[in-house]
Amino acid sequence: MVFELIVFGVILLAVGYWATMFVMGRRDDVLHGKFVEDQPDAEPVRFMPYVPRVRPAQAAPQQSRDSLQALLTVIKQDLHDAARS
C-alpha cells in the first residue's frame, strides 16, 4: 500500500511539472526534453534594486509636563496594584 502511494506521488509530481512547463510556454522542453541554451546575442535582463519609499517622520505632538506626570502616576499605581496581587 505504501509503495503504491509513493509511485503515485512520483507520477503526480511528474505530471505537475509537465503541466507547469507547458503553461509557462516551455513546450520544447516538455515535448522534446531540450533545455534552454544561452543565446550570446541576447542582452541580460537587469533588475533595479528595490528601494523602499521612506516617508518623513511626523513630529510627535509636544506633551505638557502635567500630562507626562499624570501618565507616570498612573503607571506607578498600576505597578503597585500588580505587586499586591
PDB file of N, CA and C in Angstrom:
ATOM      1  N   MET A   1       0.819  -1.194   0.000  1.00  0.00           N
ATOM      2  CA  MET A   1       0.000   0.000   0.000  1.00  0.00           C
ATOM      3  C   MET A   1       0.869   1.266   0.000  1.00  0.00           C
ATOM      4  N   VAL A   2       1.911   1.278   0.836  1.00  0.00           N
ATOM      5  CA  VAL A   2       2.775   2.456   0.908  1.00  0.00           C
ATOM      6  C   VAL A   2       3.560   2.613  -0.392  1.00  0.00           C
ATOM      7  N   PHE A   3       4.023   1.509  -0.952  1.00  0.00           N
ATOM      8  CA  PHE A   3       4.777   1.570  -2.207  1.00  0.00           C
ATOM      9  C   PHE A   3       3.927   2.161  -3.322  1.00  0.00           C
ATOM     10  N   GLU A   4       2.657   1.761  -3.380  1.00  0.00           N
ATOM     11  CA  GLU A   4       1.766   2.292  -4.402  1.00  0.00           C
ATOM     12  C   GLU A   4       1.566   3.794  -4.229  1.00  0.00           C
ATOM     13  N   LEU A   5       1.467   4.244  -2.984  1.00  0.00           N
ATOM     14  CA  LEU A   5       1.304   5.680  -2.733  1.00  0.00           C
ATOM     15  C   LEU A   5       2.553   6.456  -3.161  1.00  0.00           C
ATOM     16  N   ILE A   6       3.727   5.874  -2.927  1.00  0.00           N
ATOM     17  CA  ILE A   6       4.967   6.551  -3.333  1.00  0.00           C
ATOM     18  C   ILE A   6       5.040   6.642  -4.854  1.00  0.00           C
ATOM     19  N   VAL A   7       4.715   5.567  -5.546  1.00  0.00           N
ATOM     20  CA  VAL A   7       4.734   5.574  -7.012  1.00  0.00           C
ATOM     21  C   VAL A   7       3.712   6.576  -7.541  1.00  0.00           C
ATOM     22  N   PHE A   8       2.530   6.581  -6.956  1.00  0.00           N
ATOM     23  CA  PHE A   8       1.505   7.535  -7.365  1.00  0.00           C
ATOM     24  C   PHE A   8       1.956   8.978  -7.125  1.00  0.00           C
ATOM     25  N   GLY A   9       2.641   9.224  -6.011  1.00  0.00           N
ATOM     26  CA  GLY A   9       3.145  10.568  -5.726  1.00  0.00           C
ATOM     27  C   GLY A   9       4.188  11.026  -6.723  1.00  0.00           C
ATOM     28  N   VAL A  10       5.090  10.128  -7.108  1.00  0.00           N
ATOM     29  CA  VAL A  10       6.119  10.477  -8.093  1.00  0.00           C
ATOM     30  C   VAL A  10       5.474  10.787  -9.442  1.00  0.00           C
ATOM     31  N   ILE A  11       4.505   9.971  -9.830  1.00  0.00           N
ATOM     32  CA  ILE A  11       3.803  10.216 -11.095  1.00  0.00           C
ATOM     33  C   ILE A  11       3.062  11.541 -11.037  1.00  0.00           C
ATOM     34  N   LEU A  12       2.436  11.823  -9.919  1.00  0.00           N
ATOM     35  CA  LEU A  12       1.711  13.084  -9.750  1.00  0.00           C
ATOM     36  C   LEU A  12       2.665  14.279  -9.840  1.00  0.00           C
ATOM     37  N   LEU A  13       3.856  14.171  -9.243  1.00  0.00           N
ATOM     38  CA  LEU A  13       4.837  15.253  -9.340  1.00  0.00           C
ATOM     39  C   LEU A  13       5.303  15.451 -10.782  1.00  0.00           C
ATOM     40  N   ALA A  14       5.506  14.348 -11.513  1.00  0.00           N
ATOM     41  CA  ALA A  14       5.937  14.459 -12.907  1.00  0.00           C
ATOM     42  C   ALA A  14       4.871  15.140 -13.758  1.00  0.00           C
ATOM     43  N   VAL A  15       3.619  14.771 -13.559  1.00  0.00           N
ATOM     44  CA  VAL A  15       2.531  15.398 -14.312  1.00  0.00           C
ATOM     45  C   VAL A  15       2.418  16.876 -13.951  1.00  0.00           C
ATOM     46  N   GLY A  16       2.579  17.190 -12.679  1.00  0.00           N
ATOM     47  CA  GLY A  16       2.540  18.594 -12.266  1.00  0.00           C
ATOM     48  C   GLY A  16       3.658  19.408 -12.880  1.00  0.00           C
ATOM     49  N   TYR A  17       4.859  18.828 -12.933  1.00  0.00           N
ATOM     50  CA  TYR A  17       5.991  19.514 -13.554  1.00  0.00           C
ATOM     51  C   TYR A  17       5.736  19.726 -15.042  1.00  0.00           C
ATOM     52  N   TRP A  18       5.241  18.693 -15.707  1.00  0.00           N
ATOM     53  CA  TRP A  18       4.951  18.794 -17.130  1.00  0.00           C
ATOM     54  C   TRP A  18       3.912  19.886 -17.383  1.00  0.00           C
ATOM     55  N   ALA A  19       2.842  19.904 -16.585  1.00  0.00           N
ATOM     56  CA  ALA A  19       1.780  20.898 -16.768  1.00  0.00           C
ATOM     57  C   ALA A  19       2.306  22.311 -16.518  1.00  0.00           C
ATOM     58  N   THR A  20       3.148  22.470 -15.510  1.00  0.00           N
ATOM     59  CA  THR A  20       3.703  23.793 -15.219  1.00  0.00           C
ATOM     60  C   THR A  20       4.565  24.291 -16.372  1.00  0.00           C
ATOM     61  N   MET A  21       5.424  23.439 -16.884  1.00  0.00           N
ATOM     62  CA  MET A  21       6.274  23.838 -18.005  1.00  0.00           C
ATOM     63  C   MET A  21       5.443  24.138 -19.242  1.00  0.00           C
ATOM     64  N   PHE A  22       4.391  23.376 -19.470  1.00  0.00           N
ATOM     65  CA  PHE A  22       3.538  23.593 -20.633  1.00  0.00           C
ATOM     66  C   PHE A  22       2.821  24.936 -20.529  1.00  0.00           C
ATOM     67  N   VAL A  23       2.298  25.246 -19.331  1.00  0.00           N
ATOM     68  CA  VAL A  23       1.576  26.511 -19.135  1.00  0.00           C
ATOM     69  C   VAL A  23       2.528  27.698 -19.254  1.00  0.00           C
ATOM     70  N   MET A  24       3.779  27.526 -18.812  1.00  0.00           N
ATOM     71  CA  MET A  24       4.754  28.618 -18.872  1.00  0.00           C
ATOM     72  C   MET A  24       5.260  28.871 -20.285  1.00  0.00           C
ATOM     73  N   GLY A  25       4.882  28.023 -21.235  1.00  0.00           N
ATOM     74  CA  GLY A  25       5.297  28.241 -22.603  1.00  0.00           C
ATOM     75  C   GLY A  25       6.583  27.544 -22.974  1.00  0.00           C
ATOM     76  N   ARG A  26       7.077  26.655 -22.140  1.00  0.00           N
ATOM     77  CA  ARG A  26       8.321  25.936 -22.418  1.00  0.00           C
ATOM     78  C   ARG A  26       7.984  24.609 -23.089  1.00  0.00           C
ATOM     79  N   ARG A  27       7.210  24.681 -24.172  1.00  0.00           N
ATOM     80  CA  ARG A  27       6.708  23.468 -24.824  1.00  0.00           C
ATOM     81  C   ARG A  27       7.826  22.621 -25.425  1.00  0.00           C
ATOM     82  N   ASP A  28       8.903  23.261 -25.890  1.00  0.00           N
ATOM     83  CA  ASP A  28      10.026  22.481 -26.427  1.00  0.00           C
ATOM     84  C   ASP A  28      10.642  21.621 -25.335  1.00  0.00           C
ATOM     85  N   ASP A  29      10.763  22.178 -24.131  1.00  0.00           N
ATOM     86  CA  ASP A  29      11.314  21.406 -23.023  1.00  0.00           C
ATOM     87  C   ASP A  29      10.400  20.246 -22.669  1.00  0.00           C
ATOM     88  N   VAL A  30       9.094  20.489 -22.732  1.00  0.00           N
ATOM     89  CA  VAL A  30       8.140  19.459 -22.344  1.00  0.00           C
ATOM     90  C   VAL A  30       8.082  18.354 -23.377  1.00  0.00           C
ATOM     91  N   LEU A  31       8.003  18.735 -24.645  1.00  0.00           N
ATOM     92  CA  LEU A  31       7.785  17.735 -25.683  1.00  0.00           C
ATOM     93  C   LEU A  31       9.057  16.992 -26.071  1.00  0.00           C
ATOM     94  N   HIS A  32      10.176  17.686 -26.127  1.00  0.00           N
ATOM     95  CA  HIS A  32      11.387  17.074 -26.664  1.00  0.00           C
ATOM     96  C   HIS A  32      12.481  16.893 -25.619  1.00  0.00           C
ATOM     97  N   GLY A  33      12.289  17.443 -24.433  1.00  0.00           N
ATOM     98  CA  GLY A  33      13.308  17.301 -23.406  1.00  0.00           C
ATOM     99  C   GLY A  33      14.514  18.181 -23.628  1.00  0.00           C
ATOM    100  N   LYS A  34      14.418  19.161 -24.552  1.00  0.00           N
ATOM    101  CA  LYS A  34      15.532  20.066 -24.796  1.00  0.00           C
ATOM    102  C   LYS A  34      15.508  21.153 -23.725  1.00  0.00           C
ATOM    103  N   PHE A  35      16.675  21.536 -23.283  1.00  0.00           N
ATOM    104  CA  PHE A  35      16.764  22.597 -22.301  1.00  0.00           C
ATOM    105  C   PHE A  35      17.201  23.886 -22.982  1.00  0.00           C
ATOM    106  N   VAL A  36      16.844  24.987 -22.395  1.00  0.00           N
ATOM    107  CA  VAL A  36      17.141  26.290 -22.975  1.00  0.00           C
ATOM    108  C   VAL A  36      18.643  26.512 -22.959  1.00  0.00           C
ATOM    109  N   GLU A  37      19.185  26.926 -24.089  1.00  0.00           N
ATOM    110  CA  GLU A  37      20.608  27.205 -24.201  1.00  0.00           C
ATOM    111  C   GLU A  37      20.815  28.713 -24.160  1.00  0.00           C
ATOM    112  N   ASP A  38      22.008  29.105 -23.726  1.00  0.00           N
ATOM    113  CA  ASP A  38      22.333  30.525 -23.685  1.00  0.00           C
ATOM    114  C   ASP A  38      22.383  31.085 -25.097  1.00  0.00           C
ATOM    115  N   GLN A  39      21.835  32.253 -25.261  1.00  0.00           N
ATOM    116  CA  GLN A  39      21.879  32.936 -26.546  1.00  0.00           C
ATOM    117  C   GLN A  39      22.849  34.101 -26.403  1.00  0.00           C
ATOM    118  N   PRO A  40      23.993  34.052 -27.067  1.00  0.00           N
ATOM    119  CA  PRO A  40      25.009  35.091 -26.867  1.00  0.00           C
ATOM    120  C   PRO A  40      24.562  36.468 -27.330  1.00  0.00           C
ATOM    121  N   ASP A  41      23.624  36.552 -28.277  1.00  0.00           N
ATOM    122  CA  ASP A  41      23.217  37.853 -28.774  1.00  0.00           C
ATOM    123  C   ASP A  41      22.180  38.521 -27.877  1.00  0.00           C
ATOM    124  N   ALA A  42      21.622  37.789 -26.962  1.00  0.00           N
ATOM    125  CA  ALA A  42      20.608  38.352 -26.079  1.00  0.00           C
ATOM    126  C   ALA A  42      21.280  39.118 -24.946  1.00  0.00           C
ATOM    127  N   GLU A  43      20.767  40.310 -24.654  1.00  0.00           N
ATOM    128  CA  GLU A  43      21.308  41.115 -23.567  1.00  0.00           C
ATOM    129  C   GLU A  43      20.695  40.638 -22.258  1.00  0.00           C
ATOM    130  N   PRO A  44      21.486  40.487 -21.201  1.00  0.00           N
ATOM    131  CA  PRO A  44      20.932  40.015 -19.932  1.00  0.00           C
ATOM    132  C   PRO A  44      19.946  41.026 -19.344  1.00  0.00           C
ATOM    133  N   VAL A  45      18.967  40.517 -18.668  1.00  0.00           N
ATOM    134  CA  VAL A  45      17.961  41.367 -18.041  1.00  0.00           C
ATOM    135  C   VAL A  45      18.537  41.926 -16.754  1.00  0.00           C
ATOM    136  N   ARG A  46      18.439  43.198 -16.598  1.00  0.00           N
ATOM    137  CA  ARG A  46      18.955  43.843 -15.385  1.00  0.00           C
ATOM    138  C   ARG A  46      17.776  44.364 -14.578  1.00  0.00           C
ATOM    139  N   PHE A  47      17.774  44.016 -13.312  1.00  0.00           N
ATOM    140  CA  PHE A  47      16.708  44.444 -12.432  1.00  0.00           C
ATOM    141  C   PHE A  47      17.191  45.596 -11.574  1.00  0.00           C
ATOM    142  N   MET A  48      16.292  46.517 -11.337  1.00  0.00           N
ATOM    143  CA  MET A  48      16.605  47.622 -10.449  1.00  0.00           C
ATOM    144  C   MET A  48      16.479  47.137  -9.016  1.00  0.00           C
ATOM    145  N   PRO A  49      17.390  47.512  -8.144  1.00  0.00           N
ATOM    146  CA  PRO A  49      17.263  47.086  -6.749  1.00  0.00           C
ATOM    147  C   PRO A  49      16.038  47.738  -6.110  1.00  0.00           C
ATOM    148  N   TYR A  50      15.441  47.027  -5.193  1.00  0.00           N
ATOM    149  CA  TYR A  50      14.255  47.532  -4.506  1.00  0.00           C
ATOM    150  C   TYR A  50      14.670  48.605  -3.510  1.00  0.00           C
ATOM    151  N   VAL A  51      14.094  49.767  -3.671  1.00  0.00           N
ATOM    152  CA  VAL A  51      14.365  50.862  -2.747  1.00  0.00           C
ATOM    153  C   VAL A  51      13.023  51.276  -2.148  1.00  0.00           C
ATOM    154  N   PRO A  52      12.820  50.982  -0.870  1.00  0.00           N
ATOM    155  CA  PRO A  52      11.537  51.348  -0.268  1.00  0.00           C
ATOM    156  C   PRO A  52      11.405  52.860  -0.154  1.00  0.00           C
ATOM    157  N   ARG A  53      10.199  53.312  -0.331  1.00  0.00           N
ATOM    158  CA  ARG A  53       9.957  54.743  -0.184  1.00  0.00           C
ATOM    159  C   ARG A  53       9.881  55.067   1.301  1.00  0.00           C
ATOM    160  N   VAL A  54      10.621  56.063   1.691  1.00  0.00           N
ATOM    161  CA  VAL A  54      10.671  56.441   3.096  1.00  0.00           C
ATOM    162  C   VAL A  54       9.864  57.710   3.270  1.00  0.00           C
ATOM    163  N   ARG A  55       8.899  57.617   4.139  1.00  0.00           N
ATOM    164  CA  ARG A  55       8.102  58.807   4.437  1.00  0.00           C
ATOM    165  C   ARG A  55       8.782  59.581   5.566  1.00  0.00           C
ATOM    166  N   PRO A  56       8.768  60.876   5.478  1.00  0.00           N
ATOM    167  CA  PRO A  56       9.375  61.644   6.574  1.00  0.00           C
ATOM    168  C   PRO A  56       8.589  61.429   7.855  1.00  0.00           C
ATOM    169  N   ALA A  57       9.322  61.285   8.927  1.00  0.00           N
ATOM    170  CA  ALA A  57       8.677  61.056  10.226  1.00  0.00           C
ATOM    171  C   ALA A  57       7.952  62.313  10.661  1.00  0.00           C
ATOM    172  N   GLN A  58       6.751  62.114  11.125  1.00  0.00           N
ATOM    173  CA  GLN A  58       5.993  63.254  11.610  1.00  0.00           C
ATOM    174  C   GLN A  58       6.381  63.517  13.052  1.00  0.00           C
ATOM    175  N   ALA A  59       6.517  64.779  13.367  1.00  0.00           N
ATOM    176  CA  ALA A  59       6.898  65.148  14.727  1.00  0.00           C
ATOM    177  C   ALA A  59       5.764  64.824  15.677  1.00  0.00           C
ATOM    178  N   ALA A  60       6.116  64.201  16.789  1.00  0.00           N
ATOM    179  CA  ALA A  60       5.109  63.878  17.799  1.00  0.00           C
ATOM    180  C   ALA A  60       4.647  65.175  18.451  1.00  0.00           C
ATOM    181  N   PRO A  61       3.363  65.243  18.763  1.00  0.00           N
ATOM    182  CA  PRO A  61       2.892  66.466  19.415  1.00  0.00           C
ATOM    183  C   PRO A  61       3.547  66.625  20.786  1.00  0.00           C
ATOM    184  N   GLN A  62       3.893  67.830  21.084  1.00  0.00           N
ATOM    185  CA  GLN A  62       4.535  68.127  22.358  1.00  0.00           C
ATOM    186  C   GLN A  62       3.523  67.975  23.492  1.00  0.00           C
ATOM    187  N   GLN A  63       3.909  67.131  24.444  1.00  0.00           N
ATOM    188  CA  GLN A  63       3.015  66.939  25.579  1.00  0.00           C
ATOM    189  C   GLN A  63       3.486  67.836  26.714  1.00  0.00           C
ATOM    190  N   SER A  64       2.532  68.279  27.427  1.00  0.00           N
ATOM    191  CA  SER A  64       2.889  69.163  28.528  1.00  0.00           C
ATOM    192  C   SER A  64       3.444  68.344  29.688  1.00  0.00           C
ATOM    193  N   ARG A  65       4.107  69.009  30.581  1.00  0.00           N
ATOM    194  CA  ARG A  65       4.718  68.353  31.740  1.00  0.00           C
ATOM    195  C   ARG A  65       3.652  67.719  32.623  1.00  0.00           C
ATOM    196  N   ASP A  66       2.495  68.349  32.712  1.00  0.00           N
ATOM    197  CA  ASP A  66       1.433  67.823  33.562  1.00  0.00           C
ATOM    198  C   ASP A  66       0.908  66.482  33.034  1.00  0.00           C
ATOM    199  N   SER A  67       0.736  66.360  31.710  1.00  0.00           N
ATOM    200  CA  SER A  67       0.201  65.119  31.171  1.00  0.00           C
ATOM    201  C   SER A  67       1.211  63.974  31.342  1.00  0.00           C
ATOM    202  N   LEU A  68       2.504  64.277  31.195  1.00  0.00           N
ATOM    203  CA  LEU A  68       3.516  63.255  31.420  1.00  0.00           C
ATOM    204  C   LEU A  68       3.562  62.834  32.888  1.00  0.00           C
ATOM    205  N   GLN A  69       3.414  63.779  33.774  1.00  0.00           N
ATOM    206  CA  GLN A  69       3.414  63.470  35.202  1.00  0.00           C
ATOM    207  C   GLN A  69       2.202  62.614  35.565  1.00  0.00           C
ATOM    208  N   ALA A  70       1.054  62.907  34.953  1.00  0.00           N
ATOM    209  CA  ALA A  70      -0.153  62.118  35.214  1.00  0.00           C
ATOM    210  C   ALA A  70       0.020  60.691  34.690  1.00  0.00           C
ATOM    211  N   LEU A  71       0.636  60.548  33.538  1.00  0.00           N
ATOM    212  CA  LEU A  71       0.884  59.226  32.986  1.00  0.00           C
ATOM    213  C   LEU A  71       1.825  58.428  33.877  1.00  0.00           C
ATOM    214  N   LEU A  72       2.869  59.065  34.383  1.00  0.00           N
ATOM    215  CA  LEU A  72       3.803  58.405  35.279  1.00  0.00           C
ATOM    216  C   LEU A  72       3.104  57.962  36.563  1.00  0.00           C
ATOM    217  N   THR A  73       2.218  58.771  37.061  1.00  0.00           N
ATOM    218  CA  THR A  73       1.467  58.421  38.271  1.00  0.00           C
ATOM    219  C   THR A  73       0.578  57.209  38.037  1.00  0.00           C
ATOM    220  N   VAL A  74      -0.079  57.164  36.889  1.00  0.00           N
ATOM    221  CA  VAL A  74      -0.950  56.029  36.572  1.00  0.00           C
ATOM    222  C   VAL A  74      -0.130  54.747  36.441  1.00  0.00           C
ATOM    223  N   ILE A  75       1.033  54.845  35.816  1.00  0.00           N
ATOM    224  CA  ILE A  75       1.891  53.662  35.651  1.00  0.00           C
ATOM    225  C   ILE A  75       2.374  53.165  37.012  1.00  0.00           C
ATOM    226  N   LYS A  76       2.788  54.082  37.864  1.00  0.00           N
ATOM    227  CA  LYS A  76       3.232  53.687  39.197  1.00  0.00           C
ATOM    228  C   LYS A  76       2.113  53.003  39.966  1.00  0.00           C
ATOM    229  N   GLN A  77       0.895  53.536  39.852  1.00  0.00           N
ATOM    230  CA  GLN A  77      -0.245  52.947  40.555  1.00  0.00           C
ATOM    231  C   GLN A  77      -0.532  51.533  40.015  1.00  0.00           C
ATOM    232  N   ASP A  78      -0.476  51.358  38.691  1.00  0.00           N
ATOM    233  CA  ASP A  78      -0.702  50.031  38.106  1.00  0.00           C
ATOM    234  C   ASP A  78       0.347  49.028  38.571  1.00  0.00           C
ATOM    235  N   LEU A  79       1.621  49.458  38.616  1.00  0.00           N
ATOM    236  CA  LEU A  79       2.665  48.570  39.097  1.00  0.00           C
ATOM    237  C   LEU A  79       2.480  48.223  40.572  1.00  0.00           C
ATOM    238  N   HIS A  80       2.060  49.211  41.358  1.00  0.00           N
ATOM    239  CA  HIS A  80       1.825  48.963  42.780  1.00  0.00           C
ATOM    240  C   HIS A  80       0.685  47.967  42.964  1.00  0.00           C
ATOM    241  N   ASP A  81      -0.403  48.134  42.157  1.00  0.00           N
ATOM    242  CA  ASP A  81      -1.541  47.209  42.245  1.00  0.00           C
ATOM    243  C   ASP A  81      -1.136  45.803  41.789  1.00  0.00           C
ATOM    244  N   ALA A  82      -0.313  45.716  40.762  1.00  0.00           N
ATOM    245  CA  ALA A  82       0.133  44.415  40.273  1.00  0.00           C
ATOM    246  C   ALA A  82       1.029  43.711  41.275  1.00  0.00           C
ATOM    247  N   ALA A  83       1.829  44.479  42.007  1.00  0.00           N
ATOM    248  CA  ALA A  83       2.735  43.898  43.013  1.00  0.00           C
ATOM    249  C   ALA A  83       1.925  43.350  44.192  1.00  0.00           C
ATOM    250  N   ARG A  84       0.798  43.972  44.521  1.00  0.00           N
ATOM    251  CA  ARG A  84      -0.027  43.491  45.635  1.00  0.00           C
ATOM    252  C   ARG A  84      -0.768  42.217  45.298  1.00  0.00           C
ATOM    253  N   SER A  85      -1.061  42.002  44.007  1.00  0.00           N
ATOM    254  CA  SER A  85      -1.857  40.827  43.601  1.00  0.00           C
ATOM    255  C   SER A  85      -1.093  39.536  43.691  1.00  0.00           C
TER     256      SER A  85
END
